[in-house]
């Protein structure tokens, strides 16, 4: 449970960062593959 919350925070930060560099598509593909 703790790990899940931790990774959710990391993912949220990564999404914010990715939106700043307009690279969210690569992150989306990575996240999609990671959550499989």
N, C-alpha and C. Protein backbone atom coordinates (compact mmCIF):
# COMPACT_ATOMS: atom_id res chain seq x y z
N UNK A 1 0.84 -1.20 0.00
CA UNK A 1 0.00 0.00 0.00
C UNK A 1 0.87 1.25 0.00
N UNK A 2 1.89 1.25 0.85
CA UNK A 2 2.79 2.40 0.92
C UNK A 2 3.51 2.62 -0.41
N UNK A 3 3.98 1.51 -0.99
CA UNK A 3 4.71 1.60 -2.26
C UNK A 3 3.80 2.17 -3.34
N UNK A 4 2.54 1.73 -3.35
CA UNK A 4 1.60 2.19 -4.36
C UNK A 4 1.40 3.70 -4.26
N UNK A 5 1.24 4.20 -3.04
CA UNK A 5 1.08 5.64 -2.83
C UNK A 5 2.33 6.39 -3.28
N UNK A 6 3.48 5.83 -2.94
CA UNK A 6 4.76 6.44 -3.30
C UNK A 6 4.89 6.56 -4.82
N UNK A 7 4.57 5.46 -5.52
CA UNK A 7 4.70 5.47 -6.98
C UNK A 7 3.66 6.38 -7.62
N UNK A 8 2.50 6.52 -6.99
CA UNK A 8 1.48 7.43 -7.51
C UNK A 8 1.99 8.86 -7.45
N UNK A 9 2.66 9.20 -6.34
CA UNK A 9 3.25 10.54 -6.20
C UNK A 9 4.31 10.77 -7.27
N UNK A 10 5.18 9.80 -7.45
CA UNK A 10 6.25 9.89 -8.45
C UNK A 10 5.66 10.08 -9.84
N UNK A 11 4.62 9.29 -10.14
CA UNK A 11 3.99 9.37 -11.45
C UNK A 11 3.39 10.75 -11.67
N UNK A 12 2.74 11.30 -10.63
CA UNK A 12 2.13 12.62 -10.73
C UNK A 12 3.19 13.69 -11.01
N UNK A 13 4.31 13.61 -10.30
CA UNK A 13 5.41 14.55 -10.52
C UNK A 13 5.96 14.40 -11.93
N UNK A 14 6.11 13.15 -12.37
CA UNK A 14 6.62 12.89 -13.71
C UNK A 14 5.68 13.45 -14.77
N UNK A 15 4.38 13.32 -14.54
CA UNK A 15 3.38 13.84 -15.48
C UNK A 15 3.48 15.35 -15.57
N UNK A 16 3.64 16.01 -14.42
CA UNK A 16 3.78 17.46 -14.41
C UNK A 16 5.02 17.88 -15.18
N UNK A 17 6.13 17.19 -14.93
CA UNK A 17 7.39 17.48 -15.60
C UNK A 17 7.26 17.24 -17.11
N UNK A 18 6.62 16.13 -17.47
CA UNK A 18 6.48 15.78 -18.88
C UNK A 18 5.63 16.81 -19.61
N UNK A 19 4.59 17.31 -18.95
CA UNK A 19 3.73 18.30 -19.59
C UNK A 19 4.51 19.59 -19.84
N UNK A 20 5.49 19.84 -18.99
CA UNK A 20 6.31 21.03 -19.15
C UNK A 20 7.23 20.92 -20.36
N UNK A 21 7.70 19.72 -20.66
CA UNK A 21 8.63 19.54 -21.78
C UNK A 21 7.94 18.95 -23.00
N UNK A 22 6.57 18.90 -22.95
CA UNK A 22 5.78 18.40 -24.07
C UNK A 22 6.23 17.01 -24.51
N UNK A 23 6.48 16.16 -23.53
CA UNK A 23 6.96 14.81 -23.82
C UNK A 23 6.07 13.78 -23.14
N UNK A 24 4.80 14.16 -22.95
CA UNK A 24 3.89 13.30 -22.18
C UNK A 24 3.53 12.02 -22.92
N UNK A 25 3.66 12.03 -24.24
CA UNK A 25 3.33 10.83 -25.03
C UNK A 25 4.26 9.68 -24.69
N UNK A 26 5.54 9.96 -24.56
CA UNK A 26 6.52 8.92 -24.21
C UNK A 26 6.24 8.41 -22.79
N UNK A 27 5.92 9.34 -21.88
CA UNK A 27 5.61 8.95 -20.51
C UNK A 27 4.34 8.11 -20.48
N UNK A 28 3.36 8.48 -21.30
CA UNK A 28 2.10 7.73 -21.36
C UNK A 28 2.34 6.30 -21.82
N UNK A 29 3.18 6.15 -22.83
CA UNK A 29 3.52 4.81 -23.34
C UNK A 29 4.24 4.02 -22.25
N UNK A 30 5.18 4.67 -21.56
CA UNK A 30 5.91 4.01 -20.47
C UNK A 30 4.97 3.60 -19.35
N UNK A 31 4.07 4.52 -18.97
CA UNK A 31 3.13 4.25 -17.88
C UNK A 31 2.17 3.13 -18.26
N UNK A 32 1.73 3.13 -19.51
CA UNK A 32 0.81 2.10 -20.00
C UNK A 32 1.49 0.73 -19.92
N UNK A 33 2.76 0.69 -20.32
CA UNK A 33 3.51 -0.56 -20.28
C UNK A 33 3.80 -0.98 -18.83
N UNK A 34 4.01 0.00 -17.97
CA UNK A 34 4.36 -0.26 -16.57
C UNK A 34 3.17 -0.82 -15.79
N UNK A 35 1.96 -0.38 -16.15
CA UNK A 35 0.77 -0.78 -15.39
C UNK A 35 0.17 -2.08 -15.91
N UNK A 36 0.76 -2.67 -16.94
CA UNK A 36 0.23 -3.92 -17.51
C UNK A 36 0.32 -5.06 -16.50
